[in-house]
């Protein structure tokens, strides 16, 4: 735990402590007597209602002794005896006891589970209850406990939401005939809402709630509440840097606590006064207050308050350059700090043990429910089997005779079906053979057509190339103004011929060899567009000269390109490049 932070937010910590004391509903008082007597009475009770009450009281007994695992065991035993006829009477009460048990042990998430179960039961009860006001108060208190659990989990937004829900109900009831019944509950909700706003550092809103709480307490007449509220208001004014106001409210709280001999409260308020004077730079006065806080902490046996006093004194003595005393107080602080940490570790261990027991009991309960359900299903299954055997005996005799006749017909039909299927298979084979022959003929025809077209393109390109060469040969004999025109014609012919030839070739090639480019790309994804073109020409087994005629590249360029392609495809000298490309499609 970061105790430097605790000093700053000590007020928030104290709000939470106060809330725990007053938001939890008052428990039913247990009759005096040892746990063994309660166990014996619970075991001997024949009526479920008596057994439930005694088991729950046994759980309460162990809860007061902080023996959480035993308390959990007896609460769950009481819950297992609850039936549909008495569920609305006992289930919410036991869920509330379980909520308090898990809250006290620090298992706030499990505490919330039980509180939401309580709310669910209240919703069911409300529809048939005659005294709805009582259910509304119980619902409001449940909202308060939910808000408290969220507060302890430091989820202040959700905490505020549920405190406001409970406060709305209590406020509404206070305006009705039940005004006196709701007044103290209203005080608790106002106080808790103020605490939440302090946690959210909304100090102005918190001060409003605490001032309302002071007004409500005038009706209740409990000066101990005033002492707490004055202390809280002092903390708020200190946070707002209004040190004079804070000092006045701290003194008011101290006067009341001295009157009622509240040593724990005096330790708290003197720590706050010492801290305030430290902040104001009045170190000598701060030491007087902190020494008082230290003495009151020891009287009340409050280790956390004593630790805060020691820490404050250590830092104050440093300011007054009394280093021996500062060191002494720091050692005391460390000692108390370690002691509290050890205590918290023990509490954490107890919390984890209770959580383990809860998970274990829940799984055992689920298993028991599954066993009970299996037994019921098994009994139903036995009845069904008996009825089924009887029906089966009646039906089977009829079916045996009928099946014999059907079987003979089926054998005949199967035989005829097999003969027909054999004929169909023969026809399908013949059709497939014809289709294969047609495809081969069509492919051969398209290959021939493509080869013819390629030769046409070759001849065409050779013809155009010869024209280009002749134009180039006579270019020097032309007039200067005609040379430019002829040169432009030569350039356009080369450009257009290249694009047109390749586009025509590619369209016809794809019609014949549809999957070639796809398979080539999948197997060799790194090929360049020019290498792909070369692969297409080679697929048709074209010679280097033919490729040169179509692409207008020299024979040497084509040979170099072929050599690079072989290397890129990873083909050795013993392998035929054209054969490998023809295998692709």
Protein backbone atom coordinates (compact mmCIF):
# COMPACT_ATOMS: atom_id res chain seq x y z
CA UNK A 1 0.00 0.00 0.00
CA UNK A 2 1.19 3.50 -0.82
CA UNK A 3 0.98 5.26 2.55
CA UNK A 4 2.01 8.62 1.09
CA UNK A 5 -1.18 8.50 -0.94
CA UNK A 6 -3.13 7.34 2.10
CA UNK A 7 -2.15 10.52 3.94
CA UNK A 8 -3.59 12.64 1.16
CA UNK A 9 -6.81 10.64 0.83
CA UNK A 10 -7.20 9.75 4.52
CA UNK A 11 -10.58 11.44 4.60
CA UNK A 12 -11.89 9.18 1.83
CA UNK A 13 -10.67 6.13 3.74
CA UNK A 14 -12.50 7.30 6.87
CA UNK A 15 -15.71 7.91 4.90
CA UNK A 16 -15.65 4.29 3.75
CA UNK A 17 -15.20 3.06 7.33
CA UNK A 18 -18.13 5.12 8.54
CA UNK A 19 -20.30 3.93 5.66
CA UNK A 20 -19.61 0.29 6.49
CA UNK A 21 -20.80 0.87 10.04
CA UNK A 22 -24.14 2.42 9.07
CA UNK A 23 -25.24 1.22 5.63
CA UNK A 24 -25.35 -2.49 6.52
CA UNK A 25 -28.76 -3.58 7.89
CA UNK A 26 -28.97 -4.49 11.55
CA UNK A 27 -28.54 -8.26 12.00
CA UNK A 28 -31.01 -10.38 13.94
CA UNK A 29 -29.73 -10.91 17.46
CA UNK A 30 -28.65 -14.46 18.16
CA UNK A 31 -29.67 -16.23 21.29
CA UNK A 32 -26.81 -16.91 23.64
CA UNK A 33 -25.34 -20.37 23.46
CA UNK A 34 -22.42 -22.29 21.97
CA UNK A 35 -22.23 -23.32 18.34
CA UNK A 36 -22.56 -27.01 19.25
CA UNK A 37 -26.01 -26.41 20.74
CA UNK A 38 -27.16 -24.62 17.60
CA UNK A 39 -25.82 -27.47 15.44
CA UNK A 40 -27.64 -30.09 17.52
CA UNK A 41 -30.88 -28.13 17.39
CA UNK A 42 -30.56 -27.69 13.62
CA UNK A 43 -29.88 -31.41 13.13
CA UNK A 44 -32.81 -32.39 15.35
CA UNK A 45 -35.30 -29.94 13.80
CA UNK A 46 -37.92 -31.77 11.77
CA UNK A 47 -39.60 -28.69 10.26
CA UNK A 48 -37.73 -26.99 7.45
CA UNK A 49 -38.45 -23.48 8.77
CA UNK A 50 -36.91 -24.29 12.18
CA UNK A 51 -33.90 -25.99 10.60
CA UNK A 52 -33.32 -23.05 8.24
CA UNK A 53 -33.46 -20.55 11.11
CA UNK A 54 -31.08 -22.57 13.33
CA UNK A 55 -28.60 -23.23 10.51
CA UNK A 56 -28.59 -19.52 9.63
CA UNK A 57 -28.00 -18.62 13.31
CA UNK A 58 -25.11 -21.09 13.43
CA UNK A 59 -23.65 -19.34 10.39
CA UNK A 60 -24.10 -15.97 12.17
CA UNK A 61 -22.25 -17.31 15.21
CA UNK A 62 -19.22 -18.32 13.12
CA UNK A 63 -19.38 -15.08 11.13
CA UNK A 64 -19.03 -13.08 14.36
CA UNK A 65 -15.95 -15.16 15.21
CA UNK A 66 -14.52 -14.41 11.72
CA UNK A 67 -14.56 -18.15 10.93
CA UNK A 68 -15.79 -17.42 7.42
CA UNK A 69 -15.50 -20.90 5.94
CA UNK A 70 -17.69 -22.40 8.71
CA UNK A 71 -20.20 -19.54 8.37
CA UNK A 72 -20.34 -20.12 4.59
CA UNK A 73 -20.95 -23.84 5.14
CA UNK A 74 -23.95 -23.30 7.45
CA UNK A 75 -25.46 -20.50 5.36
CA UNK A 76 -25.37 -22.79 2.34
CA UNK A 77 -26.90 -25.63 4.33
CA UNK A 78 -29.70 -23.30 5.36
CA UNK A 79 -30.16 -22.25 1.75
CA UNK A 80 -30.35 -25.89 0.63
CA UNK A 81 -33.36 -26.42 2.95
CA UNK A 82 -35.27 -23.53 1.38
CA UNK A 83 -38.12 -24.77 -0.82
CA UNK A 84 -40.63 -23.07 -3.14
CA UNK A 85 -43.14 -22.74 -0.28
CA UNK A 86 -40.83 -20.63 1.92
CA UNK A 87 -38.40 -19.18 -0.65
CA UNK A 88 -39.69 -15.61 -0.51
CA UNK A 89 -39.41 -15.64 3.29
CA UNK A 90 -35.91 -17.06 3.77
CA UNK A 91 -33.91 -16.77 0.51
CA UNK A 92 -33.40 -12.95 0.57
CA UNK A 93 -32.40 -13.07 4.27
CA UNK A 94 -29.76 -15.76 3.70
CA UNK A 95 -28.48 -14.03 0.56
CA UNK A 96 -28.06 -10.88 2.65
CA UNK A 97 -26.09 -12.78 5.28
CA UNK A 98 -23.86 -14.23 2.54
CA UNK A 99 -23.40 -10.74 1.11
CA UNK A 100 -22.20 -9.43 4.50
CA UNK A 101 -19.91 -12.42 4.95
CA UNK A 102 -18.17 -11.91 1.59
CA UNK A 103 -18.06 -8.12 1.99
CA UNK A 104 -16.39 -8.46 5.37
CA UNK A 105 -13.77 -10.82 3.91
CA UNK A 106 -13.03 -8.46 0.99
CA UNK A 107 -14.68 -10.57 -1.74
CA UNK A 108 -16.66 -7.63 -3.09
CA UNK A 109 -17.48 -9.16 -6.48
CA UNK A 110 -19.11 -12.23 -4.84
CA UNK A 111 -20.88 -9.91 -2.39
CA UNK A 112 -22.43 -8.13 -5.39
CA UNK A 113 -23.68 -11.46 -6.83
CA UNK A 114 -25.72 -12.11 -3.71
CA UNK A 115 -27.03 -8.55 -3.54
CA UNK A 116 -28.37 -8.80 -7.09
CA UNK A 117 -30.05 -12.09 -6.12
CA UNK A 118 -31.67 -10.24 -3.21
CA UNK A 119 -32.97 -7.56 -5.60
CA UNK A 120 -34.38 -10.24 -7.89
CA UNK A 121 -36.34 -11.76 -5.00
CA UNK A 122 -37.62 -8.33 -3.95
CA UNK A 123 -38.93 -7.79 -7.48
CA UNK A 124 -40.83 -11.09 -7.24
CA UNK A 125 -42.15 -10.39 -3.74
CA UNK A 126 -43.22 -6.83 -4.58
CA UNK A 127 -45.94 -8.00 -7.01
CA UNK A 128 -47.81 -9.90 -4.27
CA UNK A 129 -46.79 -7.98 -1.12
CA UNK A 130 -49.37 -6.07 0.93
CA UNK A 131 -46.79 -3.82 2.62
CA UNK A 132 -44.93 -2.43 -0.40
CA UNK A 133 -43.30 0.32 1.69
CA UNK A 134 -41.31 -2.29 3.64
CA UNK A 135 -40.14 -3.92 0.38
CA UNK A 136 -39.17 -0.50 -0.98
CA UNK A 137 -37.04 0.24 2.11
CA UNK A 138 -35.35 -3.16 1.81
CA UNK A 139 -34.72 -2.52 -1.89
CA UNK A 140 -33.22 0.88 -1.08
CA UNK A 141 -30.91 -0.70 1.53
CA UNK A 142 -29.87 -3.32 -1.02
CA UNK A 143 -29.01 -0.50 -3.44
CA UNK A 144 -26.97 1.06 -0.65
CA UNK A 145 -25.04 -2.16 -0.07
CA UNK A 146 -24.38 -2.48 -3.81
CA UNK A 147 -23.10 1.09 -3.84
CA UNK A 148 -20.87 0.26 -0.88
CA UNK A 149 -19.40 -2.81 -2.62
CA UNK A 150 -18.65 -0.75 -5.74
CA UNK A 151 -17.12 1.96 -3.50
CA UNK A 152 -14.82 -0.65 -1.92
CA UNK A 153 -13.85 -1.80 -5.43
CA UNK A 154 -13.05 1.89 -6.22
CA UNK A 155 -15.70 1.95 -8.96
CA UNK A 156 -17.03 5.30 -7.78
CA UNK A 157 -19.27 5.95 -10.80
CA UNK A 158 -21.28 2.74 -10.23
CA UNK A 159 -21.23 3.38 -6.49
CA UNK A 160 -22.76 6.82 -7.01
CA UNK A 161 -25.40 5.36 -9.37
CA UNK A 162 -26.69 2.87 -6.77
CA UNK A 163 -26.49 5.27 -3.84
CA UNK A 164 -28.63 7.70 -5.86
CA UNK A 165 -31.15 4.92 -6.65
CA UNK A 166 -31.50 4.08 -2.95
CA UNK A 167 -31.64 7.76 -1.96
CA UNK A 168 -34.46 8.40 -4.46
CA UNK A 169 -36.57 5.63 -2.89
CA UNK A 170 -35.87 6.75 0.68
CA UNK A 171 -36.58 10.39 -0.19
CA UNK A 172 -39.90 9.42 -1.78
CA UNK A 173 -40.88 7.37 1.29
CA UNK A 174 -39.90 10.23 3.63
CA UNK A 175 -42.57 12.37 1.98
CA UNK A 176 -45.25 9.75 2.70
CA UNK A 177 -46.79 8.47 5.92
CA UNK A 178 -43.60 6.51 6.72
CA UNK A 179 -41.54 9.67 7.20
CA UNK A 180 -40.13 8.74 10.63
CA UNK A 181 -39.10 5.28 9.45
CA UNK A 182 -37.07 6.67 6.57
CA UNK A 183 -35.26 9.60 8.25
CA UNK A 184 -32.17 7.75 9.55
CA UNK A 185 -31.83 5.81 6.30
CA UNK A 186 -31.96 9.13 4.43
CA UNK A 187 -29.12 10.44 6.62
CA UNK A 188 -26.99 7.39 5.72
CA UNK A 189 -27.56 7.80 1.97
CA UNK A 190 -26.79 11.53 2.08
CA UNK A 191 -23.57 10.77 3.97
CA UNK A 192 -22.56 8.07 1.48
CA UNK A 193 -23.27 10.31 -1.51
CA UNK A 194 -21.02 12.93 0.04
CA UNK A 195 -18.30 10.28 0.44
CA UNK A 196 -18.58 9.25 -3.22
CA UNK A 197 -18.26 12.86 -4.39
CA UNK A 198 -15.12 13.27 -2.27
CA UNK A 199 -13.69 10.12 -3.90
CA UNK A 200 -14.51 11.67 -7.29
CA UNK A 201 -12.84 14.92 -6.08
CA UNK A 202 -16.11 16.82 -6.56
CA UNK A 203 -15.63 18.67 -3.30
CA UNK A 204 -18.33 21.32 -3.80
CA UNK A 205 -21.00 18.65 -4.34
CA UNK A 206 -19.67 16.62 -1.38
CA UNK A 207 -19.90 19.67 0.89
CA UNK A 208 -23.57 20.17 -0.10
CA UNK A 209 -24.42 16.60 0.89
CA UNK A 210 -22.58 16.82 4.21
CA UNK A 211 -24.36 20.07 5.08
CA UNK A 212 -27.71 18.38 4.29
CA UNK A 213 -26.62 15.50 6.54
CA UNK A 214 -25.94 18.01 9.36
CA UNK A 215 -29.49 19.30 8.98
CA UNK A 216 -30.92 15.77 9.08
CA UNK A 217 -28.90 14.95 12.19
CA UNK A 218 -30.54 17.81 14.05
CA UNK A 219 -33.72 15.70 13.92
CA UNK A 220 -31.85 12.52 14.90
CA UNK A 221 -29.92 14.22 17.71
CA UNK A 222 -26.82 12.01 17.54
CA UNK A 223 -23.77 14.18 18.27
CA UNK A 224 -21.37 11.37 17.20
CA UNK A 225 -22.67 11.85 13.65
CA UNK A 226 -21.94 15.59 13.90
CA UNK A 227 -18.35 14.81 14.90
CA UNK A 228 -17.89 12.68 11.77
CA UNK A 229 -19.51 15.30 9.50
CA UNK A 230 -17.44 18.18 10.95
CA UNK A 231 -14.28 16.13 10.39
CA UNK A 232 -15.33 15.37 6.80
CA UNK A 233 -16.13 19.01 6.09
CA UNK A 234 -12.73 19.95 7.50
CA UNK A 235 -11.09 17.57 5.02
CA UNK A 236 -13.04 19.13 2.13
CA UNK A 237 -12.03 22.68 3.10
CA UNK A 238 -8.43 21.53 3.42
CA UNK A 239 -8.56 20.09 -0.13
CA UNK A 240 -10.00 23.43 -1.30
CA UNK A 241 -7.06 25.26 0.42
CA UNK A 242 -9.44 27.03 2.83
CA UNK A 243 -7.25 26.21 5.83
CA UNK A 244 -9.02 28.49 8.33
CA UNK A 245 -12.42 26.87 7.67
CA UNK A 246 -10.83 23.43 7.82
CA UNK A 247 -9.25 24.28 11.16
CA UNK A 248 -12.59 25.45 12.60
CA UNK A 249 -14.42 22.27 11.56
CA UNK A 250 -11.64 20.02 12.85
CA UNK A 251 -11.86 21.75 16.25
CA UNK A 252 -15.67 21.30 16.30
CA UNK A 253 -15.20 17.58 15.63
CA UNK A 254 -12.48 17.33 18.31
CA UNK A 255 -14.68 19.03 20.95
CA UNK A 256 -17.54 16.58 20.37
CA UNK A 257 -15.27 13.54 20.36
CA UNK A 258 -13.66 14.67 23.59
CA UNK A 259 -17.12 15.04 25.15
CA UNK A 260 -18.15 11.48 24.17
CA UNK A 261 -14.64 10.11 24.92
CA UNK A 262 -14.15 8.83 21.35
CA UNK A 263 -10.39 8.05 21.44
CA UNK A 264 -10.28 6.65 17.90
CA UNK A 265 -12.04 9.75 16.58
CA UNK A 266 -9.70 12.03 18.59
CA UNK A 267 -6.69 10.25 17.06
CA UNK A 268 -8.15 10.84 13.62
CA UNK A 269 -9.01 14.52 14.04
CA UNK A 270 -5.68 15.33 15.75
CA UNK A 271 -3.85 13.69 12.84
CA UNK A 272 -5.86 15.93 10.50
CA UNK A 273 -5.08 19.04 12.60
CA UNK A 274 -1.37 18.13 12.68
CA UNK A 275 -1.32 17.63 8.93
CA UNK A 276 -3.12 20.96 8.44
CA UNK A 277 -0.63 22.87 10.60
CA UNK A 278 2.22 21.15 8.76
CA UNK A 279 0.82 22.44 5.47
CA UNK A 280 0.53 25.93 6.96
CA UNK A 281 4.17 25.79 8.13
CA UNK A 282 3.34 25.83 11.88
CA UNK A 283 5.58 22.87 12.69
CA UNK A 284 5.68 23.27 16.51
CA UNK A 285 1.88 23.38 16.72
CA UNK A 286 1.70 20.44 14.28
CA UNK A 287 3.94 18.37 16.59
CA UNK A 288 1.62 19.04 19.59
CA UNK A 289 -1.43 17.82 17.64
CA UNK A 290 0.42 14.80 16.23
CA UNK A 291 1.72 13.77 19.66
CA UNK A 292 -1.88 13.84 20.91
CA UNK A 293 -2.93 11.79 17.85
CA UNK A 294 -0.19 9.26 18.63
CA UNK A 295 -1.33 8.88 22.25
CA UNK A 296 -5.02 8.55 21.30
CA UNK A 297 -4.11 5.99 18.58
CA UNK A 298 -2.32 3.86 21.15
CA UNK A 299 -5.23 4.12 23.58
CA UNK A 300 -7.70 3.04 20.88
CA UNK A 301 -5.23 0.41 19.54
CA UNK A 302 -5.64 1.77 16.03
CA UNK A 303 -2.46 0.76 14.20
CA UNK A 304 -3.23 2.63 10.99
CA UNK A 305 -3.91 5.86 12.84
CA UNK A 306 -0.74 5.38 14.89
CA UNK A 307 1.24 4.73 11.70
CA UNK A 308 -0.08 7.98 10.16
CA UNK A 309 0.85 9.90 13.32
CA UNK A 310 4.37 8.46 13.25
CA UNK A 311 4.80 9.31 9.57
CA UNK A 312 3.50 12.88 10.01
CA UNK A 313 5.76 13.38 13.07
CA UNK A 314 8.81 12.04 11.21
CA UNK A 315 8.35 14.55 8.40
CA UNK A 316 7.55 17.40 10.81
CA UNK A 317 10.66 16.73 12.94
CA UNK A 318 12.69 16.87 9.72
CA UNK A 319 11.38 20.40 9.16
CA UNK A 320 12.35 21.44 12.71
CA UNK A 321 15.78 19.76 12.19
CA UNK A 322 15.22 17.39 15.13
CA UNK A 323 16.71 14.51 13.19
CA UNK A 324 17.02 12.05 16.12
CA UNK A 325 13.28 12.30 16.80
CA UNK A 326 12.55 12.18 13.06
CA UNK A 327 14.53 8.95 12.78
CA UNK A 328 12.78 7.49 15.84
CA UNK A 329 9.34 8.25 14.38
CA UNK A 330 10.36 6.92 10.97
CA UNK A 331 11.43 3.64 12.56
CA UNK A 332 8.08 3.46 14.35
CA UNK A 333 6.32 4.18 11.05
CA UNK A 334 8.21 1.36 9.29
CA UNK A 335 7.49 -1.03 12.16
CA UNK A 336 3.77 -0.27 12.09
CA UNK A 337 3.76 -0.31 8.30
CA UNK A 338 5.24 -3.84 8.24
CA UNK A 339 2.83 -4.98 10.95
CA UNK A 340 -0.16 -3.70 8.97
CA UNK A 341 1.16 -5.30 5.78
CA UNK A 342 1.45 -8.64 7.59
CA UNK A 343 -2.09 -8.23 8.87
CA UNK A 344 -3.32 -7.41 5.36
CA UNK A 345 -1.53 -10.47 3.98
CA UNK A 346 -3.34 -12.64 6.54
CA UNK A 347 -6.62 -10.96 5.56
CA UNK A 348 -5.82 -11.58 1.87
CA UNK A 349 -5.13 -15.25 2.62
CA UNK A 350 -8.45 -15.54 4.49
CA UNK A 351 -10.21 -13.82 1.58
CA UNK A 352 -8.74 -16.27 -0.94
CA UNK A 353 -9.58 -19.25 1.30
CA UNK A 354 -13.21 -18.08 1.52
CA UNK A 355 -13.32 -17.54 -2.24
CA UNK A 356 -12.01 -21.09 -2.72
CA UNK A 357 -14.66 -22.45 -0.34
CA UNK A 358 -17.33 -20.51 -2.23
CA UNK A 359 -16.24 -21.94 -5.59
CA UNK A 360 -16.01 -25.41 -4.09
CA UNK A 361 -19.49 -25.23 -2.54
CA UNK A 362 -20.96 -23.82 -5.74
CA UNK A 363 -19.53 -26.67 -7.79
CA UNK A 364 -20.73 -29.21 -5.19
CA UNK A 365 -24.20 -27.66 -5.31
CA UNK A 366 -24.24 -27.75 -9.10
CA UNK A 367 -23.09 -31.38 -9.02
CA UNK A 368 -25.79 -32.29 -6.47
CA UNK A 369 -28.43 -30.60 -8.61
CA UNK A 370 -27.21 -32.53 -11.63
CA UNK A 371 -27.39 -35.78 -9.62
CA UNK A 372 -30.95 -35.02 -8.50
CA UNK A 373 -31.94 -34.15 -12.03
CA UNK A 374 -30.31 -37.35 -13.30
CA UNK A 375 -32.27 -39.40 -10.75
CA UNK A 376 -35.55 -37.85 -11.86
CA UNK A 377 -34.68 -38.37 -15.49
CA UNK A 378 -33.66 -41.95 -14.74
CA UNK A 379 -37.00 -42.71 -13.07
CA UNK A 380 -38.89 -41.18 -15.97
CA UNK A 381 -36.72 -43.16 -18.35
CA UNK A 382 -37.57 -46.45 -16.58
CA UNK A 383 -41.31 -45.78 -16.99
CA UNK A 384 -40.78 -44.90 -20.61
CA UNK A 385 -38.75 -48.07 -21.19
CA UNK A 386 -41.50 -50.27 -19.69
CA UNK A 387 -44.13 -48.61 -21.84
CA UNK A 388 -41.83 -48.84 -24.83
CA UNK A 389 -41.20 -52.57 -24.33
CA UNK A 390 -44.94 -53.24 -24.24
CA UNK A 391 -45.57 -51.24 -27.40
CA UNK A 392 -42.52 -52.77 -29.03
CA UNK A 393 -43.79 -56.31 -28.33
CA UNK A 394 -47.15 -55.51 -29.92
CA UNK A 395 -45.66 -53.77 -32.94
CA UNK A 396 -42.74 -56.13 -33.57
CA UNK A 397 -44.94 -59.09 -34.47
CA UNK A 398 -46.76 -57.01 -37.03
CA UNK A 399 -43.53 -55.58 -38.42
CA UNK A 400 -41.78 -58.95 -38.80
CA UNK A 401 -44.45 -60.21 -41.18
CA UNK A 402 -44.68 -56.92 -43.00
CA UNK A 403 -40.90 -56.62 -43.29
CA UNK A 404 -40.62 -60.00 -44.95
CA UNK A 405 -42.94 -58.92 -47.73
CA UNK A 406 -41.25 -55.56 -48.07
CA UNK A 407 -37.85 -57.22 -48.11
CA UNK A 408 -38.77 -59.37 -51.11
CA UNK A 409 -40.01 -56.32 -52.98
CA UNK A 410 -36.87 -54.37 -52.04
CA UNK A 411 -34.58 -57.15 -53.29
CA UNK A 412 -36.39 -57.10 -56.61
CA UNK A 413 -36.23 -53.31 -56.80
CA UNK A 414 -32.55 -53.26 -55.85
CA UNK A 415 -31.76 -55.79 -58.55
CA UNK A 416 -33.61 -53.74 -61.16
CA UNK A 417 -31.97 -50.56 -59.85
CA UNK A 418 -28.49 -52.10 -60.13
CA UNK A 419 -29.14 -53.20 -63.70
CA UNK A 420 -30.38 -49.73 -64.59
CA UNK A 421 -27.44 -48.11 -62.81
CA UNK A 422 -25.02 -50.36 -64.75
CA UNK A 423 -26.58 -49.22 -68.02
CA UNK A 424 -26.33 -45.59 -66.94
CA UNK A 425 -22.66 -45.99 -66.00
CA UNK A 426 -21.94 -47.49 -69.42
CA UNK A 427 -23.66 -44.57 -71.12
CA UNK A 428 -21.82 -42.06 -68.93
CA UNK A 429 -18.47 -43.62 -69.80
CA UNK A 430 -19.32 -43.41 -73.48
CA UNK A 431 -20.39 -39.77 -73.08
CA UNK A 432 -17.21 -38.90 -71.19
CA UNK A 433 -15.09 -40.57 -73.86
CA UNK A 434 -16.88 -38.60 -76.57
CA UNK A 435 -16.49 -35.36 -74.62
CA UNK A 436 -12.78 -36.05 -74.15
CA UNK A 437 -12.35 -36.70 -77.86
CA UNK A 438 -14.28 -33.54 -78.73
CA UNK A 439 -12.16 -31.49 -76.34
CA UNK A 440 -8.95 -32.90 -77.75
CA UNK A 441 -10.13 -32.18 -81.31
CA UNK A 442 -11.22 -28.67 -80.33
CA UNK A 443 -7.87 -28.01 -78.57
CA UNK A 444 -5.99 -29.32 -81.59
CA UNK A 445 -8.07 -27.12 -83.88
CA UNK A 446 -7.48 -24.04 -81.70
CA UNK A 447 -3.76 -24.75 -81.47
CA UNK A 448 -3.60 -25.00 -85.26
CA UNK A 449 -5.65 -21.82 -85.61
CA UNK A 450 -3.36 -20.06 -83.08
CA UNK A 451 -0.24 -21.33 -84.90
CA UNK A 452 -1.69 -20.12 -88.21
CA UNK A 453 -2.45 -16.73 -86.70
CA UNK A 454 1.02 -16.54 -85.20
CA UNK A 455 2.59 -17.30 -88.58
CA UNK A 456 0.35 -14.64 -90.07
CA UNK A 457 1.61 -12.17 -87.47
CA UNK A 458 5.19 -13.24 -88.14
CA UNK A 459 4.78 -12.71 -91.89
CA UNK A 460 2.96 -9.46 -91.31
CA UNK A 461 5.69 -8.19 -89.02
CA UNK A 462 8.41 -9.30 -91.43
CA UNK A 463 6.61 -7.46 -94.21
CA UNK A 464 6.28 -4.33 -92.07
CA UNK A 465 9.88 -4.69 -90.98
CA UNK A 466 11.06 -4.83 -94.60
CA UNK A 467 9.03 -1.67 -95.36
CA UNK A 468 10.61 -0.01 -92.33
CA UNK A 469 14.11 -1.03 -93.50
CA UNK A 470 13.45 0.29 -97.02
CA UNK A 471 12.22 3.59 -95.59
CA UNK A 472 15.31 3.77 -93.45
CA UNK A 473 17.46 3.00 -96.54
CA UNK A 474 16.01 5.86 -98.62
CA UNK A 475 15.75 8.31 -95.73
CA UNK A 476 19.12 9.93 -96.59
CA UNK A 477 17.93 10.59 -100.14
CA UNK A 478 14.84 12.50 -98.95
CA UNK A 479 14.54 16.21 -98.58
CA UNK A 480 15.00 17.48 -95.03
CA UNK A 481 11.29 18.37 -94.66
CA UNK A 482 10.33 14.80 -95.73
CA UNK A 483 12.86 13.07 -93.44
CA UNK A 484 10.95 14.16 -90.36
CA UNK A 485 7.67 12.82 -91.75
CA UNK A 486 9.22 9.47 -92.72
CA UNK A 487 10.92 9.14 -89.31
CA UNK A 488 7.57 9.77 -87.55
CA UNK A 489 5.89 7.12 -89.77
CA UNK A 490 8.62 4.59 -88.88
CA UNK A 491 8.25 5.33 -85.14
CA UNK A 492 4.43 5.05 -85.19
CA UNK A 493 4.59 1.78 -87.16
CA UNK A 494 6.94 0.21 -84.64
CA UNK A 495 4.92 1.42 -81.63
CA UNK A 496 1.50 0.41 -82.98
CA UNK A 497 2.71 -2.88 -84.42
CA UNK A 498 4.23 -3.93 -81.05
CA UNK A 499 1.04 -3.21 -79.08
CA UNK A 500 -1.38 -4.57 -81.68
CA UNK A 501 0.56 -7.78 -82.27
CA UNK A 502 0.88 -8.61 -78.60
CA UNK A 503 -2.76 -7.75 -77.77
CA UNK A 504 -4.08 -9.90 -80.66
CA UNK A 505 -1.76 -12.72 -79.72
CA UNK A 506 -2.66 -12.59 -76.02
CA UNK A 507 -6.44 -12.65 -76.66
CA UNK A 508 -6.19 -15.68 -78.94
CA UNK A 509 -3.70 -17.42 -76.63
CA UNK A 510 -5.99 -17.06 -73.59
CA UNK A 511 -8.94 -18.47 -75.52
CA UNK A 512 -6.93 -21.65 -76.20
CA UNK A 513 -4.89 -21.94 -72.99
CA UNK A 514 -7.15 -20.39 -70.33
CA UNK A 515 -5.30 -21.48 -67.18
CA UNK A 516 -1.76 -20.97 -68.42
CA UNK A 517 -1.20 -17.46 -66.99
CA UNK A 518 -2.81 -18.33 -63.65
CA UNK A 519 -0.70 -21.49 -63.15
CA UNK A 520 2.44 -19.68 -64.32
CA UNK A 521 1.80 -16.83 -61.82
CA UNK A 522 1.14 -19.25 -58.93
CA UNK A 523 4.29 -21.29 -59.60
CA UNK A 524 6.61 -18.42 -60.60
CA UNK A 525 5.22 -15.18 -59.05
CA UNK A 526 8.41 -13.13 -59.63
CA UNK A 527 8.29 -13.14 -63.47
CA UNK A 528 8.31 -9.78 -65.28
CA UNK A 529 5.70 -8.95 -68.01
CA UNK A 530 8.35 -9.50 -70.77
CA UNK A 531 9.28 -12.89 -69.29
CA UNK A 532 5.56 -13.86 -69.20
CA UNK A 533 5.27 -12.94 -72.91
CA UNK A 534 8.33 -15.05 -73.69
CA UNK A 535 6.80 -18.01 -71.77
CA UNK A 536 3.62 -17.72 -73.88
CA UNK A 537 5.60 -17.77 -77.15
CA UNK A 538 7.65 -20.76 -75.97
CA UNK A 539 4.46 -22.59 -74.90
CA UNK A 540 3.54 -22.60 -78.61
CA UNK A 541 7.00 -24.04 -79.42
CA UNK A 542 7.88 -20.94 -81.44
CA UNK A 543 11.46 -20.57 -82.65
CA UNK A 544 13.77 -17.79 -81.61
CA UNK A 545 13.46 -16.31 -85.10
CA UNK A 546 9.61 -16.29 -84.93
CA UNK A 547 9.69 -14.61 -81.54
CA UNK A 548 12.15 -12.04 -82.87
CA UNK A 549 9.83 -11.27 -85.81
CA UNK A 550 6.83 -10.70 -83.52
CA UNK A 551 8.63 -8.71 -80.82
CA UNK A 552 11.04 -6.77 -83.11
CA UNK A 553 13.92 -7.85 -80.89
CA UNK A 554 17.24 -9.19 -82.17
CA UNK A 555 17.95 -12.92 -82.16
CA UNK A 556 20.71 -12.36 -79.64
CA UNK A 557 18.31 -10.50 -77.26
CA UNK A 558 15.83 -13.39 -77.45
CA UNK A 559 18.58 -15.94 -76.75
CA UNK A 560 19.79 -13.95 -73.73
CA UNK A 561 16.19 -13.63 -72.47
CA UNK A 562 15.69 -17.42 -72.82
CA UNK A 563 18.88 -18.08 -70.86
CA UNK A 564 17.78 -15.71 -68.05
CA UNK A 565 14.31 -17.31 -67.99
CA UNK A 566 15.78 -20.80 -67.62
CA UNK A 567 17.89 -19.57 -64.69
CA UNK A 568 14.90 -17.83 -63.05
CA UNK A 569 12.70 -20.94 -63.43
CA UNK A 570 15.49 -23.11 -62.02
CA UNK A 571 15.69 -25.34 -65.12
CA UNK A 572 18.92 -27.29 -65.75
CA UNK A 573 20.48 -27.87 -69.16
CA UNK A 574 19.15 -31.43 -69.27
CA UNK A 575 15.53 -30.21 -68.97
CA UNK A 576 13.50 -28.93 -71.91
CA UNK A 577 12.13 -25.41 -71.27
CA UNK A 578 9.29 -25.76 -73.81
CA UNK A 579 8.13 -29.12 -72.36
CA UNK A 580 7.97 -27.71 -68.84
CA UNK A 581 5.90 -24.72 -70.00
CA UNK A 582 3.56 -26.97 -72.01
CA UNK A 583 2.84 -28.99 -68.85
CA UNK A 584 1.29 -25.88 -67.23
CA UNK A 585 -1.72 -25.89 -69.60
